[in-house]
Amino acid sequence: MIVTITGFILILIGIWAMLTRKNIIKIILGFAIADTGVNIVIVTLGYLKGKTAPILDNAVTGNIALQAGADAVNKVVDPIPSALVLTAIVIGLAVTALMLAYSIRLYKVSGTLNIDEFKEQKW
């Protein structure tokens, strides 16, 4: 429960940083913090107390290999949230790298990272 609350707090801190900061690097850091919070929340929602990782070993199957399939379902957590989080981590890393590359290019062109200085790109 405390980990889920921590994840939601990270999401709120990240959203606050993205909405209130004028520096592009701080906005990107806010995105990364919110992304980490979302990943933590997804992992904690997929976890079930008293169950183990979805790996067929002696903790799941016991000593009898014949009943491994039927018994394993009741002893392991769902692997889908973990797989989704691994995918989200890779995508989040790529998006963060792309945003940092854009911010470096903007700094080279304009000499500033303040979003108020980019008047030609506003609507």
PDB file of N, CA and C in Angstrom:
ATOM      1  N   MET A   1       0.822  -1.194   0.000  1.00  0.00           N
ATOM      2  CA  MET A   1       0.000   0.000   0.000  1.00  0.00           C
ATOM      3  C   MET A   1       0.865   1.256   0.000  1.00  0.00           C
ATOM      4  N   ILE A   2       1.925   1.246   0.815  1.00  0.00           N
ATOM      5  CA  ILE A   2       2.784   2.422   0.894  1.00  0.00           C
ATOM      6  C   ILE A   2       3.530   2.645  -0.412  1.00  0.00           C
ATOM      7  N   VAL A   3       3.852   1.562  -1.114  1.00  0.00           N
ATOM      8  CA  VAL A   3       4.558   1.693  -2.392  1.00  0.00           C
ATOM      9  C   VAL A   3       3.628   2.287  -3.452  1.00  0.00           C
ATOM     10  N   THR A   4       2.366   1.898  -3.430  1.00  0.00           N
ATOM     11  CA  THR A   4       1.398   2.467  -4.369  1.00  0.00           C
ATOM     12  C   THR A   4       1.217   3.960  -4.121  1.00  0.00           C
ATOM     13  N   ILE A   5       1.143   4.352  -2.862  1.00  0.00           N
ATOM     14  CA  ILE A   5       1.019   5.767  -2.526  1.00  0.00           C
ATOM     15  C   ILE A   5       2.269   6.527  -2.968  1.00  0.00           C
ATOM     16  N   THR A   6       3.434   5.912  -2.793  1.00  0.00           N
ATOM     17  CA  THR A   6       4.674   6.534  -3.254  1.00  0.00           C
ATOM     18  C   THR A   6       4.657   6.730  -4.764  1.00  0.00           C
ATOM     19  N   GLY A   7       4.139   5.747  -5.493  1.00  0.00           N
ATOM     20  CA  GLY A   7       4.027   5.875  -6.946  1.00  0.00           C
ATOM     21  C   GLY A   7       3.120   7.024  -7.342  1.00  0.00           C
ATOM     22  N   PHE A   8       1.977   7.155  -6.672  1.00  0.00           N
ATOM     23  CA  PHE A   8       1.070   8.261  -6.972  1.00  0.00           C
ATOM     24  C   PHE A   8       1.681   9.610  -6.612  1.00  0.00           C
ATOM     25  N   ILE A   9       2.448   9.662  -5.539  1.00  0.00           N
ATOM     26  CA  ILE A   9       3.134  10.906  -5.170  1.00  0.00           C
ATOM     27  C   ILE A   9       4.162  11.274  -6.234  1.00  0.00           C
ATOM     28  N   LEU A  10       4.893  10.287  -6.747  1.00  0.00           N
ATOM     29  CA  LEU A  10       5.848  10.558  -7.824  1.00  0.00           C
ATOM     30  C   LEU A  10       5.139  11.062  -9.083  1.00  0.00           C
ATOM     31  N   ILE A  11       3.994  10.499  -9.383  1.00  0.00           N
ATOM     32  CA  ILE A  11       3.225  10.978 -10.536  1.00  0.00           C
ATOM     33  C   ILE A  11       2.833  12.438 -10.342  1.00  0.00           C
ATOM     34  N   LEU A  12       2.346  12.771  -9.168  1.00  0.00           N
ATOM     35  CA  LEU A  12       1.942  14.158  -8.902  1.00  0.00           C
ATOM     36  C   LEU A  12       3.123  15.118  -8.938  1.00  0.00           C
ATOM     37  N   ILE A  13       4.269  14.707  -8.391  1.00  0.00           N
ATOM     38  CA  ILE A  13       5.463  15.552  -8.433  1.00  0.00           C
ATOM     39  C   ILE A  13       5.903  15.772  -9.882  1.00  0.00           C
ATOM     40  N   GLY A  14       5.868  14.722 -10.685  1.00  0.00           N
ATOM     41  CA  GLY A  14       6.253  14.850 -12.084  1.00  0.00           C
ATOM     42  C   GLY A  14       5.319  15.756 -12.871  1.00  0.00           C
ATOM     43  N   ILE A  15       4.021  15.612 -12.657  1.00  0.00           N
ATOM     44  CA  ILE A  15       3.059  16.481 -13.346  1.00  0.00           C
ATOM     45  C   ILE A  15       3.230  17.921 -12.897  1.00  0.00           C
ATOM     46  N   TRP A  16       3.441  18.129 -11.603  1.00  0.00           N
ATOM     47  CA  TRP A  16       3.669  19.482 -11.087  1.00  0.00           C
ATOM     48  C   TRP A  16       4.912  20.099 -11.730  1.00  0.00           C
ATOM     49  N   ALA A  17       5.984  19.315 -11.838  1.00  0.00           N
ATOM     50  CA  ALA A  17       7.219  19.827 -12.442  1.00  0.00           C
ATOM     51  C   ALA A  17       7.019  20.159 -13.918  1.00  0.00           C
ATOM     52  N   MET A  18       6.255  19.339 -14.628  1.00  0.00           N
ATOM     53  CA  MET A  18       6.036  19.604 -16.057  1.00  0.00           C
ATOM     54  C   MET A  18       5.194  20.853 -16.275  1.00  0.00           C
ATOM     55  N   LEU A  19       4.257  21.117 -15.374  1.00  0.00           N
ATOM     56  CA  LEU A  19       3.345  22.242 -15.574  1.00  0.00           C
ATOM     57  C   LEU A  19       3.856  23.570 -15.031  1.00  0.00           C
ATOM     58  N   THR A  20       4.745  23.547 -14.056  1.00  0.00           N
ATOM     59  CA  THR A  20       5.128  24.800 -13.400  1.00  0.00           C
ATOM     60  C   THR A  20       6.521  25.293 -13.766  1.00  0.00           C
ATOM     61  N   ARG A  21       7.354  24.494 -14.362  1.00  0.00           N
ATOM     62  CA  ARG A  21       8.731  24.897 -14.651  1.00  0.00           C
ATOM     63  C   ARG A  21       8.852  25.489 -16.048  1.00  0.00           C
ATOM     64  N   LYS A  22       9.792  26.399 -16.217  1.00  0.00           N
ATOM     65  CA  LYS A  22      10.033  27.039 -17.511  1.00  0.00           C
ATOM     66  C   LYS A  22      11.271  26.484 -18.203  1.00  0.00           C
ATOM     67  N   ASN A  23      12.131  25.791 -17.473  1.00  0.00           N
ATOM     68  CA  ASN A  23      13.338  25.221 -18.041  1.00  0.00           C
ATOM     69  C   ASN A  23      12.995  23.871 -18.685  1.00  0.00           C
ATOM     70  N   ILE A  24      13.455  23.658 -19.901  1.00  0.00           N
ATOM     71  CA  ILE A  24      13.111  22.437 -20.636  1.00  0.00           C
ATOM     72  C   ILE A  24      13.683  21.196 -19.952  1.00  0.00           C
ATOM     73  N   ILE A  25      14.876  21.293 -19.397  1.00  0.00           N
ATOM     74  CA  ILE A  25      15.484  20.151 -18.717  1.00  0.00           C
ATOM     75  C   ILE A  25      14.663  19.760 -17.490  1.00  0.00           C
ATOM     76  N   LYS A  26      14.164  20.735 -16.763  1.00  0.00           N
ATOM     77  CA  LYS A  26      13.330  20.444 -15.587  1.00  0.00           C
ATOM     78  C   LYS A  26      11.999  19.824 -15.994  1.00  0.00           C
ATOM     79  N   ILE A  27      11.481  20.225 -17.130  1.00  0.00           N
ATOM     80  CA  ILE A  27      10.243  19.618 -17.643  1.00  0.00           C
ATOM     81  C   ILE A  27      10.497  18.154 -18.021  1.00  0.00           C
ATOM     82  N   ILE A  28      11.644  17.889 -18.643  1.00  0.00           N
ATOM     83  CA  ILE A  28      11.988  16.518 -19.012  1.00  0.00           C
ATOM     84  C   ILE A  28      12.189  15.664 -17.764  1.00  0.00           C
ATOM     85  N   LEU A  29      12.827  16.218 -16.734  1.00  0.00           N
ATOM     86  CA  LEU A  29      12.979  15.487 -15.469  1.00  0.00           C
ATOM     87  C   LEU A  29      11.623  15.209 -14.828  1.00  0.00           C
ATOM     88  N   GLY A  30      10.698  16.149 -14.925  1.00  0.00           N
ATOM     89  CA  GLY A  30       9.348  15.921 -14.420  1.00  0.00           C
ATOM     90  C   GLY A  30       8.658  14.791 -15.153  1.00  0.00           C
ATOM     91  N   PHE A  31       8.862  14.722 -16.473  1.00  0.00           N
ATOM     92  CA  PHE A  31       8.308  13.606 -17.248  1.00  0.00           C
ATOM     93  C   PHE A  31       8.895  12.278 -16.786  1.00  0.00           C
ATOM     94  N   ALA A  32      10.195  12.245 -16.565  1.00  0.00           N
ATOM     95  CA  ALA A  32      10.854  11.005 -16.137  1.00  0.00           C
ATOM     96  C   ALA A  32      10.365  10.574 -14.750  1.00  0.00           C
ATOM     97  N   ILE A  33      10.157  11.526 -13.861  1.00  0.00           N
ATOM     98  CA  ILE A  33       9.661  11.208 -12.522  1.00  0.00           C
ATOM     99  C   ILE A  33       8.236  10.665 -12.600  1.00  0.00           C
ATOM    100  N   ALA A  34       7.387  11.289 -13.403  1.00  0.00           N
ATOM    101  CA  ALA A  34       6.009  10.802 -13.558  1.00  0.00           C
ATOM    102  C   ALA A  34       5.985   9.417 -14.200  1.00  0.00           C
ATOM    103  N   ASP A  35       6.864   9.195 -15.162  1.00  0.00           N
ATOM    104  CA  ASP A  35       6.957   7.890 -15.815  1.00  0.00           C
ATOM    105  C   ASP A  35       7.357   6.801 -14.816  1.00  0.00           C
ATOM    106  N   THR A  36       8.304   7.112 -13.949  1.00  0.00           N
ATOM    107  CA  THR A  36       8.714   6.169 -12.918  1.00  0.00           C
ATOM    108  C   THR A  36       7.565   5.880 -11.954  1.00  0.00           C
ATOM    109  N   GLY A  37       6.814   6.900 -11.595  1.00  0.00           N
ATOM    110  CA  GLY A  37       5.659   6.707 -10.717  1.00  0.00           C
ATOM    111  C   GLY A  37       4.602   5.811 -11.334  1.00  0.00           C
ATOM    112  N   VAL A  38       4.348   5.984 -12.625  1.00  0.00           N
ATOM    113  CA  VAL A  38       3.370   5.136 -13.313  1.00  0.00           C
ATOM    114  C   VAL A  38       3.842   3.684 -13.324  1.00  0.00           C
ATOM    115  N   ASN A  39       5.130   3.481 -13.570  1.00  0.00           N
ATOM    116  CA  ASN A  39       5.663   2.119 -13.567  1.00  0.00           C
ATOM    117  C   ASN A  39       5.538   1.471 -12.189  1.00  0.00           C
ATOM    118  N   ILE A  40       5.809   2.226 -11.143  1.00  0.00           N
ATOM    119  CA  ILE A  40       5.692   1.688  -9.779  1.00  0.00           C
ATOM    120  C   ILE A  40       4.245   1.317  -9.472  1.00  0.00           C
ATOM    121  N   VAL A  41       3.316   2.161  -9.870  1.00  0.00           N
ATOM    122  CA  VAL A  41       1.893   1.875  -9.609  1.00  0.00           C
ATOM    123  C   VAL A  41       1.448   0.619 -10.351  1.00  0.00           C
ATOM    124  N   ILE A  42       1.856   0.466 -11.598  1.00  0.00           N
ATOM    125  CA  ILE A  42       1.464  -0.723 -12.363  1.00  0.00           C
ATOM    126  C   ILE A  42       2.031  -1.989 -11.735  1.00  0.00           C
ATOM    127  N   VAL A  43       3.284  -1.946 -11.295  1.00  0.00           N
ATOM    128  CA  VAL A  43       3.889  -3.129 -10.678  1.00  0.00           C
ATOM    129  C   VAL A  43       3.189  -3.463  -9.367  1.00  0.00           C
ATOM    130  N   THR A  44       2.886  -2.464  -8.553  1.00  0.00           N
ATOM    131  CA  THR A  44       2.243  -2.755  -7.265  1.00  0.00           C
ATOM    132  C   THR A  44       0.805  -3.233  -7.437  1.00  0.00           C
ATOM    133  N   LEU A  45       0.124  -2.790  -8.469  1.00  0.00           N
ATOM    134  CA  LEU A  45      -1.234  -3.282  -8.699  1.00  0.00           C
ATOM    135  C   LEU A  45      -1.235  -4.714  -9.216  1.00  0.00           C
ATOM    136  N   GLY A  46      -0.157  -5.131  -9.863  1.00  0.00           N
ATOM    137  CA  GLY A  46      -0.067  -6.493 -10.368  1.00  0.00           C
ATOM    138  C   GLY A  46       0.449  -7.485  -9.345  1.00  0.00           C
ATOM    139  N   TYR A  47       0.933  -6.997  -8.209  1.00  0.00           N
ATOM    140  CA  TYR A  47       1.507  -7.889  -7.192  1.00  0.00           C
ATOM    141  C   TYR A  47       0.405  -8.439  -6.289  1.00  0.00           C
ATOM    142  N   LEU A  48       0.505  -9.706  -5.937  1.00  0.00           N
ATOM    143  CA  LEU A  48      -0.422 -10.336  -5.013  1.00  0.00           C
ATOM    144  C   LEU A  48       0.376 -10.906  -3.846  1.00  0.00           C
ATOM    145  N   LYS A  49      -0.021 -10.566  -2.632  1.00  0.00           N
ATOM    146  CA  LYS A  49       0.729 -10.982  -1.453  1.00  0.00           C
ATOM    147  C   LYS A  49       0.679 -12.506  -1.295  1.00  0.00           C
ATOM    148  N   GLY A  50       1.825 -13.072  -0.965  1.00  0.00           N
ATOM    149  CA  GLY A  50       1.906 -14.499  -0.738  1.00  0.00           C
ATOM    150  C   GLY A  50       2.156 -15.321  -1.985  1.00  0.00           C
ATOM    151  N   LYS A  51       2.252 -14.675  -3.138  1.00  0.00           N
ATOM    152  CA  LYS A  51       2.503 -15.401  -4.376  1.00  0.00           C
ATOM    153  C   LYS A  51       3.919 -15.110  -4.849  1.00  0.00           C
ATOM    154  N   THR A  52       4.411 -15.932  -5.732  1.00  0.00           N
ATOM    155  CA  THR A  52       5.784 -15.835  -6.184  1.00  0.00           C
ATOM    156  C   THR A  52       5.846 -15.428  -7.655  1.00  0.00           C
ATOM    157  N   ALA A  53       7.053 -15.220  -8.137  1.00  0.00           N
ATOM    158  CA  ALA A  53       7.254 -14.849  -9.538  1.00  0.00           C
ATOM    159  C   ALA A  53       6.824 -15.998 -10.446  1.00  0.00           C
ATOM    160  N   PRO A  54       6.385 -15.696 -11.658  1.00  0.00           N
ATOM    161  CA  PRO A  54       5.913 -16.752 -12.567  1.00  0.00           C
ATOM    162  C   PRO A  54       7.053 -17.534 -13.209  1.00  0.00           C
ATOM    163  N   ILE A  55       7.829 -18.200 -12.368  1.00  0.00           N
ATOM    164  CA  ILE A  55       8.925 -19.051 -12.824  1.00  0.00           C
ATOM    165  C   ILE A  55       8.665 -20.443 -12.265  1.00  0.00           C
ATOM    166  N   LEU A  56       8.629 -21.431 -13.130  1.00  0.00           N
ATOM    167  CA  LEU A  56       8.361 -22.785 -12.674  1.00  0.00           C
ATOM    168  C   LEU A  56       9.617 -23.384 -12.053  1.00  0.00           C
ATOM    169  N   ASP A  57       9.640 -23.416 -10.729  1.00  0.00           N
ATOM    170  CA  ASP A  57      10.743 -24.027  -9.991  1.00  0.00           C
ATOM    171  C   ASP A  57      10.145 -24.792  -8.812  1.00  0.00           C
ATOM    172  N   ASN A  58      10.959 -25.198  -7.857  1.00  0.00           N
ATOM    173  CA  ASN A  58      10.462 -25.988  -6.733  1.00  0.00           C
ATOM    174  C   ASN A  58       9.513 -25.210  -5.836  1.00  0.00           C
ATOM    175  N   ALA A  59       9.625 -23.891  -5.784  1.00  0.00           N
ATOM    176  CA  ALA A  59       8.706 -23.098  -4.969  1.00  0.00           C
ATOM    177  C   ALA A  59       7.287 -23.152  -5.514  1.00  0.00           C
ATOM    178  N   VAL A  60       7.163 -23.316  -6.820  1.00  0.00           N
ATOM    179  CA  VAL A  60       5.844 -23.349  -7.459  1.00  0.00           C
ATOM    180  C   VAL A  60       5.349 -24.776  -7.618  1.00  0.00           C
ATOM    181  N   THR A  61       6.187 -25.643  -8.148  1.00  0.00           N
ATOM    182  CA  THR A  61       5.723 -26.985  -8.497  1.00  0.00           C
ATOM    183  C   THR A  61       5.836 -27.985  -7.364  1.00  0.00           C
ATOM    184  N   GLY A  62       6.693 -27.713  -6.409  1.00  0.00           N
ATOM    185  CA  GLY A  62       6.929 -28.694  -5.359  1.00  0.00           C
ATOM    186  C   GLY A  62       7.767 -29.830  -5.906  1.00  0.00           C
ATOM    187  N   ASN A  63       7.578 -31.006  -5.392  1.00  0.00           N
ATOM    188  CA  ASN A  63       8.353 -32.151  -5.862  1.00  0.00           C
ATOM    189  C   ASN A  63       7.625 -32.966  -6.912  1.00  0.00           C
ATOM    190  N   ILE A  64       6.359 -32.720  -7.102  1.00  0.00           N
ATOM    191  CA  ILE A  64       5.582 -33.502  -8.054  1.00  0.00           C
ATOM    192  C   ILE A  64       5.485 -32.724  -9.365  1.00  0.00           C
ATOM    193  N   ALA A  65       6.081 -33.221 -10.404  1.00  0.00           N
ATOM    194  CA  ALA A  65       6.104 -32.524 -11.685  1.00  0.00           C
ATOM    195  C   ALA A  65       4.815 -32.709 -12.473  1.00  0.00           C
ATOM    196  N   LEU A  66       4.001 -33.700 -12.134  1.00  0.00           N
ATOM    197  CA  LEU A  66       2.791 -33.965 -12.911  1.00  0.00           C
ATOM    198  C   LEU A  66       1.713 -32.920 -12.692  1.00  0.00           C
ATOM    199  N   GLN A  67       1.624 -32.370 -11.499  1.00  0.00           N
ATOM    200  CA  GLN A  67       0.595 -31.384 -11.190  1.00  0.00           C
ATOM    201  C   GLN A  67       1.113 -29.956 -11.287  1.00  0.00           C
ATOM    202  N   ALA A  68       2.226 -29.752 -11.965  1.00  0.00           N
ATOM    203  CA  ALA A  68       2.854 -28.434 -12.024  1.00  0.00           C
ATOM    204  C   ALA A  68       1.954 -27.408 -12.698  1.00  0.00           C
ATOM    205  N   GLY A  69       1.326 -27.757 -13.799  1.00  0.00           N
ATOM    206  CA  GLY A  69       0.515 -26.800 -14.535  1.00  0.00           C
ATOM    207  C   GLY A  69      -0.721 -26.367 -13.785  1.00  0.00           C
ATOM    208  N   ALA A  70      -1.431 -27.285 -13.163  1.00  0.00           N
ATOM    209  CA  ALA A  70      -2.665 -26.959 -12.466  1.00  0.00           C
ATOM    210  C   ALA A  70      -2.400 -26.192 -11.178  1.00  0.00           C
ATOM    211  N   ASP A  71      -1.362 -26.544 -10.485  1.00  0.00           N
ATOM    212  CA  ASP A  71      -1.056 -25.916  -9.199  1.00  0.00           C
ATOM    213  C   ASP A  71      -0.337 -24.582  -9.348  1.00  0.00           C
ATOM    214  N   ALA A  72       0.378 -24.403 -10.435  1.00  0.00           N
ATOM    215  CA  ALA A  72       1.186 -23.200 -10.619  1.00  0.00           C
ATOM    216  C   ALA A  72       0.329 -21.955 -10.760  1.00  0.00           C
ATOM    217  N   VAL A  73      -0.849 -22.093 -11.320  1.00  0.00           N
ATOM    218  CA  VAL A  73      -1.721 -20.937 -11.527  1.00  0.00           C
ATOM    219  C   VAL A  73      -2.106 -20.292 -10.207  1.00  0.00           C
ATOM    220  N   ASN A  74      -2.256 -21.072  -9.170  1.00  0.00           N
ATOM    221  CA  ASN A  74      -2.666 -20.549  -7.867  1.00  0.00           C
ATOM    222  C   ASN A  74      -1.505 -20.020  -7.039  1.00  0.00           C
ATOM    223  N   LYS A  75      -0.270 -20.251  -7.485  1.00  0.00           N
ATOM    224  CA  LYS A  75       0.883 -19.862  -6.680  1.00  0.00           C
ATOM    225  C   LYS A  75       1.689 -18.704  -7.238  1.00  0.00           C
ATOM    226  N   VAL A  76       1.388 -18.242  -8.442  1.00  0.00           N
ATOM    227  CA  VAL A  76       2.194 -17.190  -9.061  1.00  0.00           C
ATOM    228  C   VAL A  76       1.352 -15.945  -9.328  1.00  0.00           C
ATOM    229  N   VAL A  77       2.041 -14.815  -9.484  1.00  0.00           N
ATOM    230  CA  VAL A  77       1.378 -13.567  -9.845  1.00  0.00           C
ATOM    231  C   VAL A  77       1.224 -13.504 -11.362  1.00  0.00           C
ATOM    232  N   ASP A  78       0.403 -12.588 -11.821  1.00  0.00           N
ATOM    233  CA  ASP A  78       0.189 -12.410 -13.252  1.00  0.00           C
ATOM    234  C   ASP A  78       1.426 -11.742 -13.870  1.00  0.00           C
ATOM    235  N   PRO A  79       2.012 -12.319 -14.904  1.00  0.00           N
ATOM    236  CA  PRO A  79       3.230 -11.737 -15.475  1.00  0.00           C
ATOM    237  C   PRO A  79       2.973 -10.558 -16.421  1.00  0.00           C
ATOM    238  N   ILE A  80       1.728 -10.311 -16.787  1.00  0.00           N
ATOM    239  CA  ILE A  80       1.422  -9.262 -17.755  1.00  0.00           C
ATOM    240  C   ILE A  80       1.803  -7.862 -17.251  1.00  0.00           C
ATOM    241  N   PRO A  81       1.467  -7.454 -16.008  1.00  0.00           N
ATOM    242  CA  PRO A  81       1.886  -6.120 -15.566  1.00  0.00           C
ATOM    243  C   PRO A  81       3.407  -5.933 -15.567  1.00  0.00           C
ATOM    244  N   SER A  82       4.136  -6.956 -15.201  1.00  0.00           N
ATOM    245  CA  SER A  82       5.597  -6.851 -15.212  1.00  0.00           C
ATOM    246  C   SER A  82       6.121  -6.697 -16.632  1.00  0.00           C
ATOM    247  N   ALA A  83       5.551  -7.427 -17.562  1.00  0.00           N
ATOM    248  CA  ALA A  83       5.971  -7.313 -18.958  1.00  0.00           C
ATOM    249  C   ALA A  83       5.622  -5.936 -19.519  1.00  0.00           C
ATOM    250  N   LEU A  84       4.450  -5.431 -19.151  1.00  0.00           N
ATOM    251  CA  LEU A  84       4.067  -4.089 -19.605  1.00  0.00           C
ATOM    252  C   LEU A  84       4.997  -3.023 -19.041  1.00  0.00           C
ATOM    253  N   VAL A  85       5.394  -3.177 -17.792  1.00  0.00           N
ATOM    254  CA  VAL A  85       6.300  -2.204 -17.184  1.00  0.00           C
ATOM    255  C   VAL A  85       7.670  -2.257 -17.840  1.00  0.00           C
ATOM    256  N   LEU A  86       8.164  -3.445 -18.148  1.00  0.00           N
ATOM    257  CA  LEU A  86       9.443  -3.536 -18.846  1.00  0.00           C
ATOM    258  C   LEU A  86       9.374  -2.838 -20.199  1.00  0.00           C
ATOM    259  N   THR A  87       8.279  -3.026 -20.915  1.00  0.00           N
ATOM    260  CA  THR A  87       8.097  -2.347 -22.189  1.00  0.00           C
ATOM    261  C   THR A  87       7.985  -0.842 -21.994  1.00  0.00           C
ATOM    262  N   ALA A  88       7.265  -0.416 -20.963  1.00  0.00           N
ATOM    263  CA  ALA A  88       7.105   1.016 -20.689  1.00  0.00           C
ATOM    264  C   ALA A  88       8.426   1.661 -20.302  1.00  0.00           C
ATOM    265  N   ILE A  89       9.285   0.930 -19.606  1.00  0.00           N
ATOM    266  CA  ILE A  89      10.594   1.473 -19.238  1.00  0.00           C
ATOM    267  C   ILE A  89      11.422   1.738 -20.491  1.00  0.00           C
ATOM    268  N   VAL A  90      11.413   0.808 -21.422  1.00  0.00           N
ATOM    269  CA  VAL A  90      12.178   0.982 -22.657  1.00  0.00           C
ATOM    270  C   VAL A  90      11.626   2.150 -23.474  1.00  0.00           C
ATOM    271  N   ILE A  91      10.309   2.220 -23.598  1.00  0.00           N
ATOM    272  CA  ILE A  91       9.700   3.314 -24.356  1.00  0.00           C
ATOM    273  C   ILE A  91       9.946   4.647 -23.663  1.00  0.00           C
ATOM    274  N   GLY A  92       9.822   4.692 -22.330  1.00  0.00           N
ATOM    275  CA  GLY A  92      10.083   5.920 -21.582  1.00  0.00           C
ATOM    276  C   GLY A  92      11.512   6.391 -21.724  1.00  0.00           C
ATOM    277  N   LEU A  93      12.446   5.463 -21.728  1.00  0.00           N
ATOM    278  CA  LEU A  93      13.845   5.813 -21.921  1.00  0.00           C
ATOM    279  C   LEU A  93      14.072   6.402 -23.312  1.00  0.00           C
ATOM    280  N   ALA A  94      13.453   5.815 -24.316  1.00  0.00           N
ATOM    281  CA  ALA A  94      13.604   6.330 -25.681  1.00  0.00           C
ATOM    282  C   ALA A  94      12.986   7.718 -25.826  1.00  0.00           C
ATOM    283  N   VAL A  95      11.818   7.922 -25.231  1.00  0.00           N
ATOM    284  CA  VAL A  95      11.168   9.228 -25.308  1.00  0.00           C
ATOM    285  C   VAL A  95      11.981  10.275 -24.563  1.00  0.00           C
ATOM    286  N   THR A  96      12.528   9.921 -23.412  1.00  0.00           N
ATOM    287  CA  THR A  96      13.359  10.853 -22.660  1.00  0.00           C
ATOM    288  C   THR A  96      14.622  11.213 -23.443  1.00  0.00           C
ATOM    289  N   ALA A  97      15.240  10.228 -24.066  1.00  0.00           N
ATOM    290  CA  ALA A  97      16.426  10.503 -24.881  1.00  0.00           C
ATOM    291  C   ALA A  97      16.089  11.415 -26.057  1.00  0.00           C
ATOM    292  N   LEU A  98      14.937  11.203 -26.681  1.00  0.00           N
ATOM    293  CA  LEU A  98      14.515  12.055 -27.785  1.00  0.00           C
ATOM    294  C   LEU A  98      14.259  13.487 -27.310  1.00  0.00           C
ATOM    295  N   MET A  99      13.606  13.632 -26.165  1.00  0.00           N
ATOM    296  CA  MET A  99      13.368  14.973 -25.623  1.00  0.00           C
ATOM    297  C   MET A  99      14.676  15.675 -25.282  1.00  0.00           C
ATOM    298  N   LEU A 100      15.633  14.937 -24.721  1.00  0.00           N
ATOM    299  CA  LEU A 100      16.934  15.538 -24.412  1.00  0.00           C
ATOM    300  C   LEU A 100      17.674  15.934 -25.690  1.00  0.00           C
ATOM    301  N   ALA A 101      17.567  15.130 -26.735  1.00  0.00           N
ATOM    302  CA  ALA A 101      18.198  15.487 -28.013  1.00  0.00           C
ATOM    303  C   ALA A 101      17.563  16.754 -28.594  1.00  0.00           C
ATOM    304  N   TYR A 102      16.243  16.867 -28.508  1.00  0.00           N
ATOM    305  CA  TYR A 102      15.573  18.088 -28.969  1.00  0.00           C
ATOM    306  C   TYR A 102      15.991  19.298 -28.141  1.00  0.00           C
ATOM    307  N   SER A 103      16.129  19.118 -26.835  1.00  0.00           N
ATOM    308  CA  SER A 103      16.505  20.249 -25.992  1.00  0.00           C
ATOM    309  C   SER A 103      17.937  20.698 -26.280  1.00  0.00           C
ATOM    310  N   ILE A 104      18.827  19.752 -26.566  1.00  0.00           N
ATOM    311  CA  ILE A 104      20.199  20.130 -26.944  1.00  0.00           C
ATOM    312  C   ILE A 104      20.183  20.908 -28.254  1.00  0.00           C
ATOM    313  N   ARG A 105      19.396  20.452 -29.211  1.00  0.00           N
ATOM    314  CA  ARG A 105      19.294  21.157 -30.497  1.00  0.00           C
ATOM    315  C   ARG A 105      18.691  22.551 -30.319  1.00  0.00           C
ATOM    316  N   LEU A 106      17.668  22.672 -29.486  1.00  0.00           N
ATOM    317  CA  LEU A 106      17.079  23.988 -29.234  1.00  0.00           C
ATOM    318  C   LEU A 106      18.079  24.918 -28.555  1.00  0.00           C
ATOM    319  N   TYR A 107      18.879  24.380 -27.650  1.00  0.00           N
ATOM    320  CA  TYR A 107      19.877  25.205 -26.973  1.00  0.00           C
ATOM    321  C   TYR A 107      20.957  25.671 -27.951  1.00  0.00           C
ATOM    322  N   LYS A 108      21.363  24.812 -28.874  1.00  0.00           N
ATOM    323  CA  LYS A 108      22.365  25.209 -29.857  1.00  0.00           C
ATOM    324  C   LYS A 108      21.840  26.284 -30.801  1.00  0.00           C
ATOM    325  N   VAL A 109      20.562  26.198 -31.156  1.00  0.00           N
ATOM    326  CA  VAL A 109      19.976  27.163 -32.090  1.00  0.00           C
ATOM    327  C   VAL A 109      19.676  28.487 -31.403  1.00  0.00           C
ATOM    328  N   SER A 110      19.079  28.451 -30.217  1.00  0.00           N
ATOM    329  CA  SER A 110      18.607  29.685 -29.589  1.00  0.00           C
ATOM    330  C   SER A 110      19.478  30.170 -28.435  1.00  0.00           C
ATOM    331  N   GLY A 111      20.264  29.301 -27.824  1.00  0.00           N
ATOM    332  CA  GLY A 111      21.115  29.718 -26.718  1.00  0.00           C
ATOM    333  C   GLY A 111      20.417  29.774 -25.376  1.00  0.00           C
ATOM    334  N   THR A 112      19.202  29.261 -25.285  1.00  0.00           N
ATOM    335  CA  THR A 112      18.467  29.264 -24.021  1.00  0.00           C
ATOM    336  C   THR A 112      17.626  28.005 -23.905  1.00  0.00           C
ATOM    337  N   LEU A 113      17.275  27.665 -22.670  1.00  0.00           N
ATOM    338  CA  LEU A 113      16.378  26.542 -22.415  1.00  0.00           C
ATOM    339  C   LEU A 113      15.051  26.992 -21.812  1.00  0.00           C
ATOM    340  N   ASN A 114      14.830  28.289 -21.738  1.00  0.00           N
ATOM    341  CA  ASN A 114      13.597  28.835 -21.186  1.00  0.00           C
ATOM    342  C   ASN A 114      12.503  28.752 -22.249  1.00  0.00           C
ATOM    343  N   ILE A 115      11.366  28.142 -21.910  1.00  0.00           N
ATOM    344  CA  ILE A 115      10.311  27.952 -22.922  1.00  0.00           C
ATOM    345  C   ILE A 115       9.612  29.257 -23.284  1.00  0.00           C
ATOM    346  N   ASP A 116       9.750  30.289 -22.467  1.00  0.00           N
ATOM    347  CA  ASP A 116       9.143  31.583 -22.807  1.00  0.00           C
ATOM    348  C   ASP A 116       9.878  32.271 -23.951  1.00  0.00           C
ATOM    349  N   GLU A 117      11.107  31.895 -24.222  1.00  0.00           N
ATOM    350  CA  GLU A 117      11.908  32.524 -25.271  1.00  0.00           C
ATOM    351  C   GLU A 117      11.589  31.986 -26.662  1.00  0.00           C
ATOM    352  N   PHE A 118      10.861  30.914 -26.766  1.00  0.00           N
ATOM    353  CA  PHE A 118      10.564  30.308 -28.051  1.00  0.00           C
ATOM    354  C   PHE A 118       9.226  30.822 -28.568  1.00  0.00           C
ATOM    355  N   LYS A 119       9.211  32.066 -28.996  1.00  0.00           N
ATOM    356  CA  LYS A 119       7.973  32.717 -29.444  1.00  0.00           C
ATOM    357  C   LYS A 119       7.539  32.220 -30.821  1.00  0.00           C
ATOM    358  N   GLU A 120       8.487  31.872 -31.697  1.00  0.00           N
ATOM    359  CA  GLU A 120       8.136  31.494 -33.067  1.00  0.00           C
ATOM    360  C   GLU A 120       7.453  30.150 -33.150  1.00  0.00           C
ATOM    361  N   GLN A 121       7.509  29.339 -32.079  1.00  0.00           N
ATOM    362  CA  GLN A 121       6.900  28.027 -32.106  1.00  0.00           C
ATOM    363  C   GLN A 121       5.582  27.979 -31.334  1.00  0.00           C
ATOM    364  N   LYS A 122       5.138  29.113 -30.823  1.00  0.00           N
ATOM    365  CA  LYS A 122       3.858  29.141 -30.111  1.00  0.00           C
ATOM    366  C   LYS A 122       2.728  29.393 -31.095  1.00  0.00           C
ATOM    367  N   TRP A 123       1.538  29.040 -30.717  1.00  0.00           N
ATOM    368  CA  TRP A 123       0.386  29.170 -31.597  1.00  0.00           C
ATOM    369  C   TRP A 123      -0.068  30.589 -31.619  1.00  0.00           C
TER     370      TRP A 123
END
